[in-house]
Amino acid sequence: MEVLCSQADFDRLIPDLLTKQVPGFLVSVILLLVLASSMSTLDSIVLVSASSVAIDMHKGYIDPKASSKKILGIMRILSIVFVLISFVIARFEFAIIITLMSLSWGAVAGSFMAAYLYGLYWKRATRVGIWCGMLGGLGINISMFFILGPANSPIASSMAMIGPFIIIPLISSFTKPPEKDLIDKAFK
């Protein structure tokens, strides 16, 4: 069996697996679940974006005395605009979307994932260690993006997620541990 890694089409991996290895009824269920998840996500993003612009920006800065009816109308118009923007992005498959997605997930996960997990499960995590891990994850993500280039942004984001898992215990081992009373109360 000959494997052509340089010719591999990774975008076809899951569709080919589903069509060739999974029974038809199960493929239907999986596709319905993916569609439901996608619609739920798009719905949430559109509603939050439209309400943020209409309430926070329009009512907050432009027209503080705007009526609820006017704000609702603005939200409806913005919802349509945001759905159309999403359609254009999906339809024309802009390559920059993958780069932006990996950068944003790398920044968020790199900043918060290790801090969250160590905060929940490790009693020795310190405030300084957590801050260094969060800033380190963000710094790794941004610096590796520029070092490796946009084509390798998923690698930069992965490094940003892994880095804080090393940074936090390293810095926490050299800084004063949290007070015993605080630890006992938090882990009670």
N, C-alpha and C. Protein backbone atom coordinates (compact mmCIF):
# COMPACT_ATOMS: atom_id res chain seq x y z
N MET A 1 0.84 -1.17 0.00
CA MET A 1 0.00 0.00 0.00
C MET A 1 0.89 1.24 0.00
N GLU A 2 0.67 2.09 -0.95
CA GLU A 2 1.48 3.29 -1.10
C GLU A 2 0.77 4.48 -0.48
N VAL A 3 1.48 5.22 0.36
CA VAL A 3 0.91 6.39 1.01
C VAL A 3 1.55 7.63 0.41
N LEU A 4 0.72 8.52 -0.06
CA LEU A 4 1.22 9.76 -0.65
C LEU A 4 0.90 10.92 0.28
N CYS A 5 1.78 11.20 1.22
CA CYS A 5 1.54 12.26 2.20
C CYS A 5 1.55 13.62 1.55
N SER A 6 2.38 13.83 0.54
CA SER A 6 2.44 15.14 -0.11
C SER A 6 1.19 15.41 -0.94
N GLN A 7 0.47 14.36 -1.34
CA GLN A 7 -0.74 14.50 -2.14
C GLN A 7 -2.01 14.39 -1.29
N ALA A 8 -1.88 14.18 0.00
CA ALA A 8 -3.04 13.94 0.86
C ALA A 8 -3.95 15.16 0.90
N ASP A 9 -5.26 14.91 0.87
CA ASP A 9 -6.25 15.96 0.98
C ASP A 9 -6.93 15.80 2.34
N PHE A 10 -6.40 16.50 3.33
CA PHE A 10 -6.89 16.35 4.69
C PHE A 10 -8.32 16.84 4.86
N ASP A 11 -8.78 17.73 3.99
CA ASP A 11 -10.16 18.20 4.06
C ASP A 11 -11.16 17.10 3.69
N ARG A 12 -10.72 16.06 3.02
CA ARG A 12 -11.60 14.97 2.62
C ARG A 12 -11.56 13.79 3.59
N LEU A 13 -10.73 13.86 4.60
CA LEU A 13 -10.55 12.75 5.52
C LEU A 13 -11.87 12.35 6.21
N ILE A 14 -12.51 13.26 6.88
CA ILE A 14 -13.75 12.95 7.60
C ILE A 14 -14.90 12.64 6.64
N PRO A 15 -15.12 13.44 5.58
CA PRO A 15 -16.20 13.06 4.65
C PRO A 15 -16.01 11.67 4.04
N ASP A 16 -14.80 11.32 3.67
CA ASP A 16 -14.54 9.99 3.12
C ASP A 16 -14.78 8.90 4.16
N LEU A 17 -14.35 9.15 5.39
CA LEU A 17 -14.58 8.18 6.46
C LEU A 17 -16.07 7.97 6.67
N LEU A 18 -16.84 9.05 6.69
CA LEU A 18 -18.28 8.93 6.91
C LEU A 18 -18.98 8.20 5.76
N THR A 19 -18.62 8.51 4.54
CA THR A 19 -19.32 7.91 3.40
C THR A 19 -18.91 6.47 3.13
N LYS A 20 -17.67 6.09 3.50
CA LYS A 20 -17.20 4.76 3.15
C LYS A 20 -17.22 3.77 4.31
N GLN A 21 -17.22 4.26 5.55
CA GLN A 21 -17.08 3.36 6.68
C GLN A 21 -18.27 3.35 7.65
N VAL A 22 -19.12 4.34 7.57
CA VAL A 22 -20.21 4.48 8.54
C VAL A 22 -21.54 4.19 7.85
N PRO A 23 -22.44 3.46 8.51
CA PRO A 23 -23.75 3.18 7.91
C PRO A 23 -24.54 4.47 7.63
N GLY A 24 -25.40 4.41 6.61
CA GLY A 24 -26.14 5.59 6.15
C GLY A 24 -26.97 6.26 7.22
N PHE A 25 -27.70 5.49 8.02
CA PHE A 25 -28.56 6.11 9.05
C PHE A 25 -27.72 6.86 10.08
N LEU A 26 -26.52 6.32 10.40
CA LEU A 26 -25.66 6.96 11.37
C LEU A 26 -25.05 8.24 10.79
N VAL A 27 -24.74 8.22 9.49
CA VAL A 27 -24.24 9.42 8.83
C VAL A 27 -25.30 10.52 8.90
N SER A 28 -26.57 10.15 8.68
CA SER A 28 -27.66 11.12 8.77
C SER A 28 -27.74 11.73 10.16
N VAL A 29 -27.64 10.90 11.18
CA VAL A 29 -27.70 11.40 12.56
C VAL A 29 -26.52 12.34 12.83
N ILE A 30 -25.33 11.95 12.41
CA ILE A 30 -24.14 12.77 12.63
C ILE A 30 -24.28 14.11 11.91
N LEU A 31 -24.74 14.09 10.67
CA LEU A 31 -24.90 15.34 9.93
C LEU A 31 -25.96 16.24 10.55
N LEU A 32 -27.04 15.65 11.05
CA LEU A 32 -28.06 16.45 11.74
C LEU A 32 -27.51 17.08 13.02
N LEU A 33 -26.70 16.33 13.74
CA LEU A 33 -26.09 16.87 14.95
C LEU A 33 -25.12 18.00 14.63
N VAL A 34 -24.33 17.83 13.58
CA VAL A 34 -23.39 18.89 13.17
C VAL A 34 -24.16 20.13 12.73
N LEU A 35 -25.22 19.93 11.96
CA LEU A 35 -26.04 21.06 11.50
C LEU A 35 -26.69 21.77 12.69
N ALA A 36 -27.25 21.01 13.63
CA ALA A 36 -27.87 21.62 14.81
C ALA A 36 -26.85 22.40 15.63
N SER A 37 -25.68 21.84 15.79
CA SER A 37 -24.63 22.52 16.54
C SER A 37 -24.20 23.81 15.84
N SER A 38 -24.04 23.73 14.53
CA SER A 38 -23.64 24.91 13.76
C SER A 38 -24.69 26.00 13.82
N MET A 39 -25.95 25.61 13.69
CA MET A 39 -27.03 26.59 13.73
C MET A 39 -27.14 27.23 15.12
N SER A 40 -26.96 26.44 16.15
CA SER A 40 -27.01 26.97 17.51
C SER A 40 -25.89 27.97 17.75
N THR A 41 -24.70 27.63 17.28
CA THR A 41 -23.56 28.52 17.44
C THR A 41 -23.77 29.81 16.66
N LEU A 42 -24.18 29.70 15.40
CA LEU A 42 -24.42 30.90 14.59
C LEU A 42 -25.51 31.75 15.22
N ASP A 43 -26.58 31.11 15.67
CA ASP A 43 -27.68 31.83 16.31
C ASP A 43 -27.18 32.63 17.51
N SER A 44 -26.39 32.00 18.36
CA SER A 44 -25.88 32.67 19.56
C SER A 44 -24.97 33.83 19.20
N ILE A 45 -24.08 33.62 18.25
CA ILE A 45 -23.16 34.67 17.85
C ILE A 45 -23.91 35.85 17.25
N VAL A 46 -24.89 35.58 16.39
CA VAL A 46 -25.66 36.65 15.76
C VAL A 46 -26.44 37.44 16.80
N LEU A 47 -27.11 36.74 17.72
CA LEU A 47 -27.91 37.44 18.73
C LEU A 47 -27.04 38.26 19.68
N VAL A 48 -25.94 37.72 20.11
CA VAL A 48 -25.05 38.46 21.01
C VAL A 48 -24.45 39.66 20.29
N SER A 49 -24.01 39.47 19.05
CA SER A 49 -23.42 40.57 18.29
C SER A 49 -24.44 41.68 18.04
N ALA A 50 -25.62 41.30 17.59
CA ALA A 50 -26.66 42.29 17.29
C ALA A 50 -27.08 43.04 18.55
N SER A 51 -27.28 42.33 19.65
CA SER A 51 -27.70 43.02 20.88
C SER A 51 -26.57 43.87 21.45
N SER A 52 -25.33 43.43 21.32
CA SER A 52 -24.20 44.23 21.80
C SER A 52 -24.12 45.55 21.06
N VAL A 53 -24.24 45.49 19.75
CA VAL A 53 -24.16 46.73 18.95
C VAL A 53 -25.38 47.61 19.22
N ALA A 54 -26.57 47.01 19.21
CA ALA A 54 -27.79 47.81 19.36
C ALA A 54 -27.91 48.41 20.76
N ILE A 55 -27.69 47.61 21.78
CA ILE A 55 -27.90 48.09 23.15
C ILE A 55 -26.68 48.84 23.66
N ASP A 56 -25.52 48.19 23.61
CA ASP A 56 -24.33 48.79 24.20
C ASP A 56 -23.84 50.01 23.42
N MET A 57 -23.80 49.88 22.10
CA MET A 57 -23.24 50.99 21.31
C MET A 57 -24.30 52.03 20.96
N HIS A 58 -25.40 51.59 20.35
CA HIS A 58 -26.40 52.57 19.90
C HIS A 58 -27.07 53.26 21.09
N LYS A 59 -27.63 52.46 21.99
CA LYS A 59 -28.33 53.06 23.13
C LYS A 59 -27.34 53.67 24.12
N GLY A 60 -26.20 53.08 24.26
CA GLY A 60 -25.21 53.59 25.22
C GLY A 60 -24.53 54.87 24.79
N TYR A 61 -24.28 55.05 23.49
CA TYR A 61 -23.50 56.20 23.05
C TYR A 61 -24.24 57.11 22.06
N ILE A 62 -24.97 56.53 21.13
CA ILE A 62 -25.58 57.32 20.07
C ILE A 62 -26.92 57.92 20.50
N ASP A 63 -27.81 57.09 21.02
CA ASP A 63 -29.15 57.55 21.39
C ASP A 63 -29.56 56.92 22.72
N PRO A 64 -29.13 57.53 23.85
CA PRO A 64 -29.43 56.94 25.16
C PRO A 64 -30.92 56.83 25.47
N LYS A 65 -31.75 57.60 24.80
CA LYS A 65 -33.19 57.57 25.08
C LYS A 65 -33.95 56.74 24.05
N ALA A 66 -33.25 55.88 23.31
CA ALA A 66 -33.90 55.06 22.29
C ALA A 66 -34.91 54.13 22.93
N SER A 67 -36.05 53.99 22.29
CA SER A 67 -37.11 53.12 22.82
C SER A 67 -36.75 51.65 22.60
N SER A 68 -37.43 50.80 23.35
CA SER A 68 -37.22 49.36 23.20
C SER A 68 -37.59 48.89 21.80
N LYS A 69 -38.61 49.51 21.22
CA LYS A 69 -39.06 49.15 19.88
C LYS A 69 -37.98 49.48 18.84
N LYS A 70 -37.35 50.64 19.00
CA LYS A 70 -36.28 51.04 18.07
C LYS A 70 -35.06 50.12 18.22
N ILE A 71 -34.70 49.79 19.44
CA ILE A 71 -33.56 48.89 19.69
C ILE A 71 -33.85 47.51 19.10
N LEU A 72 -35.07 47.02 19.26
CA LEU A 72 -35.45 45.72 18.69
C LEU A 72 -35.34 45.74 17.17
N GLY A 73 -35.77 46.84 16.53
CA GLY A 73 -35.65 46.98 15.08
C GLY A 73 -34.20 46.96 14.63
N ILE A 74 -33.35 47.68 15.36
CA ILE A 74 -31.91 47.70 15.04
C ILE A 74 -31.32 46.31 15.19
N MET A 75 -31.72 45.59 16.25
CA MET A 75 -31.22 44.23 16.45
C MET A 75 -31.63 43.31 15.30
N ARG A 76 -32.85 43.44 14.82
CA ARG A 76 -33.31 42.61 13.71
C ARG A 76 -32.52 42.89 12.44
N ILE A 77 -32.30 44.16 12.15
CA ILE A 77 -31.53 44.52 10.95
C ILE A 77 -30.10 44.01 11.06
N LEU A 78 -29.49 44.21 12.23
CA LEU A 78 -28.12 43.74 12.43
C LEU A 78 -28.03 42.21 12.35
N SER A 79 -29.05 41.51 12.83
CA SER A 79 -29.05 40.05 12.73
C SER A 79 -29.01 39.61 11.28
N ILE A 80 -29.79 40.26 10.43
CA ILE A 80 -29.79 39.94 9.00
C ILE A 80 -28.41 40.24 8.40
N VAL A 81 -27.84 41.38 8.76
CA VAL A 81 -26.52 41.76 8.24
C VAL A 81 -25.46 40.73 8.66
N PHE A 82 -25.48 40.32 9.92
CA PHE A 82 -24.49 39.37 10.41
C PHE A 82 -24.65 37.99 9.77
N VAL A 83 -25.87 37.57 9.52
CA VAL A 83 -26.10 36.29 8.84
C VAL A 83 -25.59 36.38 7.40
N LEU A 84 -25.83 37.50 6.73
CA LEU A 84 -25.33 37.67 5.36
C LEU A 84 -23.81 37.68 5.32
N ILE A 85 -23.19 38.32 6.29
CA ILE A 85 -21.72 38.31 6.36
C ILE A 85 -21.21 36.88 6.57
N SER A 86 -21.87 36.13 7.44
CA SER A 86 -21.49 34.72 7.67
C SER A 86 -21.63 33.90 6.40
N PHE A 87 -22.72 34.14 5.65
CA PHE A 87 -22.93 33.42 4.40
C PHE A 87 -21.81 33.72 3.40
N VAL A 88 -21.46 34.99 3.27
CA VAL A 88 -20.40 35.37 2.32
C VAL A 88 -19.07 34.72 2.71
N ILE A 89 -18.76 34.74 3.99
CA ILE A 89 -17.52 34.11 4.46
C ILE A 89 -17.53 32.61 4.18
N ALA A 90 -18.65 31.95 4.46
CA ALA A 90 -18.75 30.50 4.22
C ALA A 90 -18.75 30.18 2.74
N ARG A 91 -19.42 30.99 1.95
CA ARG A 91 -19.58 30.71 0.51
C ARG A 91 -18.26 30.83 -0.24
N PHE A 92 -17.49 31.84 0.09
CA PHE A 92 -16.28 32.10 -0.67
C PHE A 92 -15.03 31.53 -0.01
N GLU A 93 -15.19 30.84 1.12
CA GLU A 93 -14.11 30.09 1.78
C GLU A 93 -12.81 30.89 1.87
N PHE A 94 -12.88 32.01 2.55
CA PHE A 94 -11.69 32.83 2.74
C PHE A 94 -10.65 32.05 3.54
N ALA A 95 -9.44 31.96 3.04
CA ALA A 95 -8.38 31.19 3.70
C ALA A 95 -7.98 31.82 5.03
N ILE A 96 -8.21 33.11 5.16
CA ILE A 96 -7.81 33.80 6.38
C ILE A 96 -8.62 33.34 7.59
N ILE A 97 -9.78 32.75 7.37
CA ILE A 97 -10.64 32.32 8.47
C ILE A 97 -9.93 31.27 9.33
N ILE A 98 -9.24 30.33 8.72
CA ILE A 98 -8.52 29.30 9.48
C ILE A 98 -7.43 29.95 10.33
N THR A 99 -6.75 30.91 9.75
CA THR A 99 -5.70 31.61 10.49
C THR A 99 -6.29 32.37 11.67
N LEU A 100 -7.35 33.11 11.43
CA LEU A 100 -7.97 33.88 12.51
C LEU A 100 -8.55 32.96 13.59
N MET A 101 -9.15 31.86 13.16
CA MET A 101 -9.72 30.92 14.12
C MET A 101 -8.63 30.31 15.00
N SER A 102 -7.55 29.87 14.39
CA SER A 102 -6.49 29.25 15.19
C SER A 102 -5.82 30.28 16.10
N LEU A 103 -5.69 31.52 15.61
CA LEU A 103 -5.11 32.55 16.47
C LEU A 103 -6.01 32.86 17.66
N SER A 104 -7.30 32.98 17.41
CA SER A 104 -8.20 33.32 18.51
C SER A 104 -8.28 32.17 19.52
N TRP A 105 -8.38 30.93 19.05
CA TRP A 105 -8.42 29.81 19.97
C TRP A 105 -7.09 29.64 20.70
N GLY A 106 -6.00 29.91 20.00
CA GLY A 106 -4.69 29.84 20.65
C GLY A 106 -4.55 30.89 21.73
N ALA A 107 -5.05 32.10 21.45
CA ALA A 107 -4.97 33.18 22.44
C ALA A 107 -5.85 32.87 23.65
N VAL A 108 -7.07 32.43 23.40
CA VAL A 108 -7.99 32.15 24.51
C VAL A 108 -7.52 30.93 25.30
N ALA A 109 -7.29 29.82 24.61
CA ALA A 109 -6.89 28.60 25.31
C ALA A 109 -5.49 28.75 25.92
N GLY A 110 -4.60 29.42 25.21
CA GLY A 110 -3.25 29.64 25.74
C GLY A 110 -3.25 30.49 26.99
N SER A 111 -4.19 31.42 27.06
CA SER A 111 -4.26 32.29 28.22
C SER A 111 -4.99 31.66 29.40
N PHE A 112 -6.02 30.87 29.12
CA PHE A 112 -6.90 30.45 30.21
C PHE A 112 -6.91 28.96 30.54
N MET A 113 -6.60 28.08 29.60
CA MET A 113 -6.78 26.65 29.83
C MET A 113 -5.92 26.14 31.00
N ALA A 114 -4.64 26.39 30.97
CA ALA A 114 -3.76 25.90 32.04
C ALA A 114 -4.08 26.59 33.36
N ALA A 115 -4.35 27.90 33.31
CA ALA A 115 -4.68 28.63 34.53
C ALA A 115 -5.94 28.06 35.17
N TYR A 116 -6.92 27.76 34.37
CA TYR A 116 -8.18 27.21 34.87
C TYR A 116 -7.97 25.83 35.50
N LEU A 117 -7.27 24.96 34.77
CA LEU A 117 -7.07 23.60 35.28
C LEU A 117 -6.19 23.57 36.52
N TYR A 118 -5.10 24.35 36.52
CA TYR A 118 -4.26 24.38 37.72
C TYR A 118 -5.00 25.03 38.88
N GLY A 119 -5.80 26.05 38.59
CA GLY A 119 -6.59 26.68 39.66
C GLY A 119 -7.59 25.73 40.28
N LEU A 120 -8.13 24.84 39.49
CA LEU A 120 -9.10 23.88 40.02
C LEU A 120 -8.47 22.71 40.76
N TYR A 121 -7.33 22.22 40.27
CA TYR A 121 -6.83 20.93 40.76
C TYR A 121 -5.46 20.97 41.45
N TRP A 122 -4.77 22.10 41.44
CA TRP A 122 -3.44 22.11 42.03
C TRP A 122 -3.38 23.16 43.13
N LYS A 123 -3.16 22.74 44.34
CA LYS A 123 -3.18 23.65 45.49
C LYS A 123 -1.97 24.57 45.54
N ARG A 124 -0.94 24.26 44.83
CA ARG A 124 0.31 25.03 44.91
C ARG A 124 0.38 26.17 43.87
N ALA A 125 -0.62 26.28 43.00
CA ALA A 125 -0.60 27.35 41.99
C ALA A 125 -0.66 28.71 42.67
N THR A 126 0.20 29.62 42.24
CA THR A 126 0.24 30.95 42.84
C THR A 126 -0.30 31.99 41.85
N ARG A 127 -0.65 33.14 42.40
CA ARG A 127 -1.17 34.23 41.57
C ARG A 127 -0.12 34.65 40.52
N VAL A 128 1.10 34.78 40.93
CA VAL A 128 2.17 35.18 40.01
C VAL A 128 2.35 34.11 38.93
N GLY A 129 2.32 32.84 39.33
CA GLY A 129 2.46 31.75 38.37
C GLY A 129 1.34 31.75 37.35
N ILE A 130 0.11 31.97 37.83
CA ILE A 130 -1.04 32.01 36.92
C ILE A 130 -0.92 33.18 35.96
N TRP A 131 -0.59 34.36 36.47
CA TRP A 131 -0.44 35.52 35.59
C TRP A 131 0.68 35.30 34.55
N CYS A 132 1.78 34.75 34.99
CA CYS A 132 2.87 34.48 34.04
C CYS A 132 2.44 33.45 33.00
N GLY A 133 1.70 32.43 33.42
CA GLY A 133 1.21 31.43 32.47
C GLY A 133 0.25 32.04 31.46
N MET A 134 -0.67 32.89 31.93
CA MET A 134 -1.63 33.51 31.02
C MET A 134 -0.94 34.43 30.03
N LEU A 135 -0.08 35.29 30.52
CA LEU A 135 0.65 36.20 29.63
C LEU A 135 1.62 35.43 28.74
N GLY A 136 2.21 34.37 29.29
CA GLY A 136 3.12 33.54 28.50
C GLY A 136 2.40 32.86 27.35
N GLY A 137 1.21 32.31 27.61
CA GLY A 137 0.44 31.67 26.55
C GLY A 137 0.09 32.64 25.43
N LEU A 138 -0.36 33.83 25.82
CA LEU A 138 -0.67 34.85 24.82
C LEU A 138 0.58 35.27 24.06
N GLY A 139 1.67 35.46 24.79
CA GLY A 139 2.93 35.85 24.15
C GLY A 139 3.46 34.79 23.20
N ILE A 140 3.37 33.53 23.60
CA ILE A 140 3.81 32.43 22.73
C ILE A 140 2.97 32.41 21.46
N ASN A 141 1.66 32.58 21.60
CA ASN A 141 0.78 32.55 20.45
C ASN A 141 1.14 33.65 19.45
N ILE A 142 1.29 34.86 19.93
CA ILE A 142 1.58 35.99 19.05
C ILE A 142 2.97 35.88 18.44
N SER A 143 3.97 35.58 19.28
CA SER A 143 5.34 35.53 18.76
C SER A 143 5.54 34.37 17.78
N MET A 144 4.99 33.20 18.10
CA MET A 144 5.15 32.06 17.19
C MET A 144 4.38 32.25 15.89
N PHE A 145 3.29 33.00 15.93
CA PHE A 145 2.56 33.31 14.70
C PHE A 145 3.48 34.08 13.76
N PHE A 146 4.19 35.07 14.29
CA PHE A 146 5.07 35.87 13.43
C PHE A 146 6.34 35.11 13.05
N ILE A 147 6.82 34.25 13.92
CA ILE A 147 8.02 33.47 13.61
C ILE A 147 7.72 32.39 12.57
N LEU A 148 6.64 31.64 12.78
CA LEU A 148 6.31 30.52 11.89
C LEU A 148 5.52 30.94 10.66
N GLY A 149 4.85 32.06 10.73
CA GLY A 149 4.05 32.54 9.59
C GLY A 149 2.61 32.09 9.67
N PRO A 150 1.73 32.76 8.92
CA PRO A 150 0.30 32.46 8.97
C PRO A 150 -0.05 31.02 8.58
N ALA A 151 0.72 30.42 7.70
CA ALA A 151 0.40 29.06 7.26
C ALA A 151 0.52 28.05 8.41
N ASN A 152 1.34 28.39 9.40
CA ASN A 152 1.54 27.49 10.54
C ASN A 152 0.88 28.01 11.81
N SER A 153 -0.17 28.81 11.67
CA SER A 153 -0.83 29.35 12.85
C SER A 153 -1.42 28.27 13.76
N PRO A 154 -1.91 27.13 13.24
CA PRO A 154 -2.36 26.09 14.18
C PRO A 154 -1.22 25.55 15.07
N ILE A 155 -0.02 25.48 14.53
CA ILE A 155 1.13 25.02 15.33
C ILE A 155 1.44 26.06 16.41
N ALA A 156 1.42 27.34 16.03
CA ALA A 156 1.66 28.41 17.00
C ALA A 156 0.63 28.37 18.11
N SER A 157 -0.62 28.14 17.76
CA SER A 157 -1.69 28.08 18.76
C SER A 157 -1.52 26.86 19.66
N SER A 158 -1.12 25.75 19.10
CA SER A 158 -0.89 24.54 19.91
C SER A 158 0.24 24.76 20.91
N MET A 159 1.29 25.42 20.46
CA MET A 159 2.40 25.73 21.36
C MET A 159 1.95 26.67 22.48
N ALA A 160 1.05 27.60 22.13
CA ALA A 160 0.53 28.54 23.13
C ALA A 160 -0.33 27.84 24.16
N MET A 161 -0.96 26.75 23.79
CA MET A 161 -1.78 26.00 24.74
C MET A 161 -0.92 25.14 25.66
N ILE A 162 0.19 24.65 25.15
CA ILE A 162 1.06 23.76 25.92
C ILE A 162 1.98 24.56 26.85
N GLY A 163 2.48 25.69 26.38
CA GLY A 163 3.44 26.50 27.15
C GLY A 163 3.05 26.80 28.58
N PRO A 164 1.85 27.30 28.82
CA PRO A 164 1.47 27.63 30.21
C PRO A 164 1.44 26.44 31.16
N PHE A 165 1.27 25.22 30.64
CA PHE A 165 1.31 24.05 31.50
C PHE A 165 2.71 23.84 32.06
N ILE A 166 3.72 24.42 31.43
CA ILE A 166 5.10 24.36 31.93
C ILE A 166 5.41 25.61 32.75
N ILE A 167 4.94 26.76 32.27
CA ILE A 167 5.25 28.04 32.91
C ILE A 167 4.65 28.14 34.32
N ILE A 168 3.38 27.78 34.47
CA ILE A 168 2.71 27.96 35.76
C ILE A 168 3.38 27.18 36.88
N PRO A 169 3.65 25.87 36.74
CA PRO A 169 4.32 25.19 37.86
C PRO A 169 5.75 25.67 38.08
N LEU A 170 6.42 26.06 37.00
CA LEU A 170 7.79 26.56 37.14
C LEU A 170 7.81 27.84 37.97
N ILE A 171 6.99 28.81 37.61
CA ILE A 171 6.96 30.09 38.33
C ILE A 171 6.38 29.90 39.73
N SER A 172 5.35 29.06 39.85
CA SER A 172 4.72 28.82 41.16
C SER A 172 5.69 28.17 42.14
N SER A 173 6.63 27.39 41.64
CA SER A 173 7.60 26.75 42.55
C SER A 173 8.58 27.75 43.14
N PHE A 174 8.74 28.94 42.51
CA PHE A 174 9.66 29.95 43.02
C PHE A 174 8.96 31.10 43.73
N THR A 175 7.65 31.07 43.82
CA THR A 175 6.91 32.15 44.47
C THR A 175 6.20 31.62 45.71
N LYS A 176 5.81 32.57 46.58
CA LYS A 176 5.17 32.22 47.85
C LYS A 176 3.83 31.53 47.59
N PRO A 177 3.61 30.36 48.20
CA PRO A 177 2.33 29.65 48.00
C PRO A 177 1.18 30.43 48.64
N PRO A 178 -0.04 30.15 48.19
CA PRO A 178 -1.20 30.81 48.79
C PRO A 178 -1.33 30.44 50.27
N GLU A 179 -2.02 31.30 51.02
CA GLU A 179 -2.24 31.04 52.45
C GLU A 179 -3.00 29.73 52.64
N LYS A 180 -2.67 29.02 53.72
CA LYS A 180 -3.31 27.73 54.00
C LYS A 180 -4.82 27.88 54.20
N ASP A 181 -5.24 28.94 54.85
CA ASP A 181 -6.68 29.17 55.07
C ASP A 181 -7.41 29.33 53.75
N LEU A 182 -6.82 30.06 52.83
CA LEU A 182 -7.43 30.27 51.52
C LEU A 182 -7.52 28.96 50.75
N ILE A 183 -6.47 28.16 50.79
CA ILE A 183 -6.46 26.87 50.10
C ILE A 183 -7.51 25.94 50.69
N ASP A 184 -7.56 25.89 52.04
CA ASP A 184 -8.55 25.03 52.69
C ASP A 184 -9.97 25.44 52.32
N LYS A 185 -10.22 26.72 52.28
CA LYS A 185 -11.55 27.23 51.94
C LYS A 185 -11.88 26.93 50.47
N ALA A 186 -10.92 27.12 49.59
CA ALA A 186 -11.15 26.92 48.15
C ALA A 186 -11.34 25.45 47.81
N PHE A 187 -10.62 24.55 48.47
CA PHE A 187 -10.66 23.14 48.14
C PHE A 187 -11.55 22.34 49.11
N LYS A 188 -12.38 23.05 49.86
CA LYS A 188 -13.26 22.41 50.83
C LYS A 188 -14.28 21.54 50.16
